[in-house]
Amino acid sequence: MRGRSEPADATPSMDGSGGATLESNASLARRIMAQESGAFALLVERYHDFVFRICFAILRHRQDAEDATQDTFSRVAKYLDRWDPRRPLEPWLATVAGNRSRSHLARRKVFAPLTADDEPQTLATRQQHAADAMREEITLALGNLPDRQRAAFELFHEQSLSYVQIARQMQCPIGTVKTLVHRARLSLIEQLRQRDVVPGDSAGTAPQHKGALK
């Protein structure tokens, strides 16, 4: 009988002498999800510097980077079950850290007060940074949608096609197109809400991203 394949992070890390010293990330994740005392603290200790470097590279401010690092680990604790233990943990951590840092950066640039010496272009630049951050968040969220939902949403919101035109292009009934677009909107809003990109009371509002994916 063929043996069960091991997760990508199942192999323990090795120290300089060749001895196994660190518990695998997959095993540690199982203990965290089982709410074993001290398990999450071990993960934070293992990856704090890794996450902080990513946050600091984006924010260029130590306190903001520390805040984003804490935010990252809060997200990891909440959504660790979404990580596929067959894959390395570091790329997923880097994605979460990058998302949280860009969200902090966008908020910082949007809400920084204008002074008397600021030129009109300053506000426009801040708004552009915020729009760029929102565009990236939406693009990431779209990547998590089922293919047909994503296609219908992009045709409707980005290419401004009518339901009739989309139905013809996707070769399905108009009612199906409306359902796909509606479900895509709800999923996008929920993803953005979970990442604190939009307020928690925005469940009935579609993301305003005309042209955001171009």
Protein backbone atom coordinates (compact mmCIF):
# COMPACT_ATOMS: atom_id res chain seq x y z
CA MET A 1 0.00 0.00 0.00
CA ARG A 2 1.34 3.43 -0.94
CA GLY A 3 2.29 5.53 2.08
CA ARG A 4 0.53 8.80 2.81
CA SER A 5 2.43 11.82 1.52
CA GLU A 6 3.85 14.10 4.21
CA PRO A 7 3.16 17.86 4.37
CA ALA A 8 5.81 20.15 2.93
CA ASP A 9 6.60 21.48 6.41
CA ALA A 10 6.73 18.04 8.01
CA THR A 11 10.54 17.89 7.99
CA PRO A 12 12.06 19.39 11.18
CA SER A 13 14.57 22.21 10.79
CA MET A 14 18.18 21.34 11.45
CA ASP A 15 20.75 23.13 13.53
CA GLY A 16 24.36 23.67 12.48
CA SER A 17 25.46 20.29 13.77
CA GLY A 18 22.88 18.44 11.74
CA GLY A 19 20.59 17.65 14.64
CA ALA A 20 16.82 18.08 14.45
CA THR A 21 15.94 20.92 16.80
CA LEU A 22 12.69 22.52 15.69
CA GLU A 23 9.22 21.05 15.59
CA SER A 24 7.78 21.13 12.07
CA ASN A 25 5.40 23.97 11.24
CA ALA A 26 2.70 21.48 10.30
CA SER A 27 2.90 19.82 13.71
CA LEU A 28 3.01 23.18 15.46
CA ALA A 29 -0.04 24.37 13.51
CA ARG A 30 -1.99 21.31 14.64
CA ARG A 31 -1.15 22.10 18.27
CA ILE A 32 -2.17 25.75 17.80
CA MET A 33 -5.53 24.79 16.29
CA ALA A 34 -6.00 22.38 19.20
CA GLN A 35 -5.49 25.44 21.45
CA GLU A 36 -2.53 23.88 23.20
CA SER A 37 -0.99 26.31 25.68
CA GLY A 38 2.23 27.95 24.48
CA ALA A 39 2.03 26.64 20.92
CA PHE A 40 1.16 29.97 19.29
CA ALA A 41 3.79 31.80 21.33
CA LEU A 42 6.35 29.41 19.85
CA LEU A 43 5.21 30.26 16.32
CA VAL A 44 5.46 34.00 17.07
CA GLU A 45 8.95 33.54 18.50
CA ARG A 46 9.98 31.55 15.44
CA TYR A 47 8.72 34.04 12.85
CA HIS A 48 8.56 37.46 14.55
CA ASP A 49 11.75 38.76 12.94
CA PHE A 50 10.73 37.36 9.54
CA VAL A 51 7.36 39.12 9.65
CA PHE A 52 8.76 42.34 11.13
CA ARG A 53 11.32 42.69 8.32
CA ILE A 54 8.55 42.47 5.72
CA CYS A 55 6.41 45.03 7.54
CA PHE A 56 9.29 47.42 8.08
CA ALA A 57 10.36 47.20 4.42
CA ILE A 58 6.90 48.46 3.42
CA LEU A 59 6.15 50.93 6.23
CA ARG A 60 9.65 52.30 6.99
CA HIS A 61 8.54 53.15 10.51
CA ARG A 62 9.43 50.95 13.47
CA GLN A 63 6.28 51.44 15.56
CA ASP A 64 4.00 51.04 12.54
CA ALA A 65 5.92 47.91 11.57
CA GLU A 66 5.48 46.51 15.10
CA ASP A 67 1.74 47.25 14.92
CA ALA A 68 1.50 45.56 11.53
CA THR A 69 3.48 42.59 12.85
CA GLN A 70 1.05 42.15 15.75
CA ASP A 71 -1.85 42.52 13.33
CA THR A 72 -0.30 39.86 11.10
CA PHE A 73 -0.04 37.32 13.90
CA SER A 74 -3.60 38.13 14.98
CA ARG A 75 -4.72 37.24 11.46
CA VAL A 76 -2.60 34.12 11.44
CA ALA A 77 -4.14 32.97 14.73
CA LYS A 78 -7.63 33.52 13.33
CA TYR A 79 -7.12 31.98 9.89
CA LEU A 80 -4.40 29.37 10.42
CA ASP A 81 -6.82 26.67 9.28
CA ARG A 82 -6.67 28.20 5.79
CA TRP A 83 -2.96 27.42 5.44
CA ASP A 84 -2.27 24.26 3.46
CA PRO A 85 0.31 22.31 5.54
CA ARG A 86 1.50 20.62 2.36
CA ARG A 87 3.05 23.96 1.40
CA PRO A 88 5.75 26.01 3.14
CA LEU A 89 4.45 28.40 5.79
CA GLU A 90 6.72 31.35 4.97
CA PRO A 91 5.08 32.45 1.68
CA TRP A 92 1.65 32.50 3.36
CA LEU A 93 3.01 34.48 6.28
CA ALA A 94 4.66 36.92 3.87
CA THR A 95 1.35 37.43 2.03
CA VAL A 96 -0.52 38.16 5.26
CA ALA A 97 2.23 40.52 6.46
CA GLY A 98 2.28 42.35 3.14
CA ASN A 99 -1.50 42.78 3.12
CA ARG A 100 -1.59 44.11 6.68
CA SER A 101 1.33 46.48 6.06
CA ARG A 102 -0.24 47.92 2.92
CA SER A 103 -3.51 48.42 4.78
CA HIS A 104 -1.65 50.30 7.54
CA LEU A 105 0.17 52.35 4.91
CA ALA A 106 -3.04 53.26 3.11
CA ARG A 107 -4.74 54.35 6.33
CA ARG A 108 -1.70 56.38 7.36
CA LYS A 109 -1.56 58.25 4.07
CA VAL A 110 -5.29 58.87 3.82
CA PHE A 111 -5.81 60.11 7.37
CA ALA A 112 -2.60 62.11 7.83
CA PRO A 113 -3.73 65.72 8.37
CA LEU A 114 -2.94 68.34 5.77
CA THR A 115 -0.92 71.32 6.95
CA ALA A 116 -0.92 74.87 5.65
CA ASP A 117 2.25 74.11 3.70
CA ASP A 118 0.81 71.10 1.88
CA GLU A 119 0.22 71.54 -1.81
CA PRO A 120 -2.99 70.28 -3.48
CA GLN A 121 -0.99 67.45 -5.05
CA THR A 122 -0.34 66.03 -1.57
CA LEU A 123 -3.95 65.00 -1.07
CA ALA A 124 -4.15 63.62 -4.59
CA THR A 125 -1.03 61.52 -3.95
CA ARG A 126 -2.47 60.13 -0.73
CA GLN A 127 -5.72 59.28 -2.43
CA GLN A 128 -3.82 57.56 -5.24
CA HIS A 129 -1.88 55.44 -2.74
CA ALA A 130 -5.15 54.48 -1.06
CA ALA A 131 -6.68 53.59 -4.42
CA ASP A 132 -3.63 51.50 -5.32
CA ALA A 133 -3.86 49.64 -2.00
CA MET A 134 -7.58 48.99 -2.51
CA ARG A 135 -6.93 47.79 -6.06
CA GLU A 136 -4.38 45.29 -4.79
CA GLU A 137 -6.69 44.08 -2.02
CA ILE A 138 -9.52 43.54 -4.51
CA THR A 139 -7.22 41.74 -6.94
CA LEU A 140 -6.10 39.38 -4.16
CA ALA A 141 -9.70 38.79 -3.10
CA LEU A 142 -10.78 38.11 -6.69
CA GLY A 143 -8.14 35.41 -6.90
CA ASN A 144 -10.00 33.48 -4.18
CA LEU A 145 -13.29 33.43 -6.09
CA PRO A 146 -14.51 30.46 -8.16
CA ASP A 147 -13.63 30.94 -11.83
CA ARG A 148 -17.19 31.60 -13.04
CA GLN A 149 -17.92 34.11 -10.29
CA ARG A 150 -14.69 35.96 -11.00
CA ALA A 151 -15.34 36.01 -14.75
CA ALA A 152 -18.90 37.32 -14.36
CA PHE A 153 -17.82 39.96 -11.84
CA GLU A 154 -14.98 41.25 -14.02
CA LEU A 155 -17.15 41.35 -17.15
CA PHE A 156 -19.84 43.32 -15.31
CA HIS A 157 -17.74 45.70 -13.20
CA GLU A 158 -14.54 46.09 -15.18
CA GLN A 159 -15.71 45.74 -18.77
CA SER A 160 -19.18 47.22 -18.11
CA LEU A 161 -20.99 44.52 -20.07
CA SER A 162 -24.72 44.09 -19.53
CA TYR A 163 -26.19 40.93 -18.04
CA VAL A 164 -27.44 40.00 -21.50
CA GLN A 165 -23.98 40.38 -23.03
CA ILE A 166 -22.35 38.41 -20.23
CA ALA A 167 -24.94 35.63 -20.53
CA ARG A 168 -24.23 35.41 -24.22
CA GLN A 169 -20.45 35.35 -23.69
CA MET A 170 -20.59 32.82 -20.85
CA GLN A 171 -23.32 30.79 -22.58
CA CYS A 172 -25.63 30.65 -19.58
CA PRO A 173 -29.02 32.12 -18.56
CA ILE A 174 -29.26 35.76 -17.46
CA GLY A 175 -30.47 34.63 -14.03
CA THR A 176 -27.29 32.60 -13.59
CA VAL A 177 -25.16 35.64 -14.45
CA LYS A 178 -26.98 37.77 -11.88
CA THR A 179 -26.46 35.09 -9.24
CA LEU A 180 -22.76 34.78 -10.06
CA VAL A 181 -22.19 38.54 -9.85
CA HIS A 182 -24.16 38.81 -6.63
CA ARG A 183 -22.29 35.96 -4.95
CA ALA A 184 -18.96 37.38 -6.12
CA ARG A 185 -19.83 40.75 -4.55
CA LEU A 186 -20.77 39.17 -1.24
CA SER A 187 -17.61 37.10 -1.16
CA LEU A 188 -15.39 40.08 -2.01
CA ILE A 189 -17.00 42.26 0.64
CA GLU A 190 -16.62 39.54 3.27
CA GLN A 191 -12.94 39.06 2.40
CA LEU A 192 -12.27 42.81 2.54
CA ARG A 193 -14.21 43.10 5.81
CA GLN A 194 -12.20 40.28 7.40
CA ARG A 195 -8.98 42.08 6.45
CA ASP A 196 -10.33 45.40 7.84
CA VAL A 197 -10.12 46.97 4.39
CA VAL A 198 -13.78 48.00 4.55
CA PRO A 199 -15.91 48.63 7.67
CA GLY A 200 -17.70 45.72 9.26
CA ASP A 201 -21.12 47.24 8.48
CA SER A 202 -20.53 47.33 4.71
CA ALA A 203 -22.21 44.00 3.92
CA GLY A 204 -24.72 45.63 1.61
CA THR A 205 -22.25 47.74 -0.35
CA ALA A 206 -20.35 46.54 -3.39
CA PRO A 207 -16.66 47.54 -3.62
CA GLN A 208 -16.24 50.70 -5.66
CA HIS A 209 -13.44 49.62 -7.96
CA LYS A 210 -14.36 50.72 -11.47
CA GLY A 211 -11.20 50.07 -13.46
CA ALA A 212 -9.34 48.87 -10.38
CA LEU A 213 -8.16 45.71 -12.10
CA LYS A 214 -6.67 47.40 -15.13
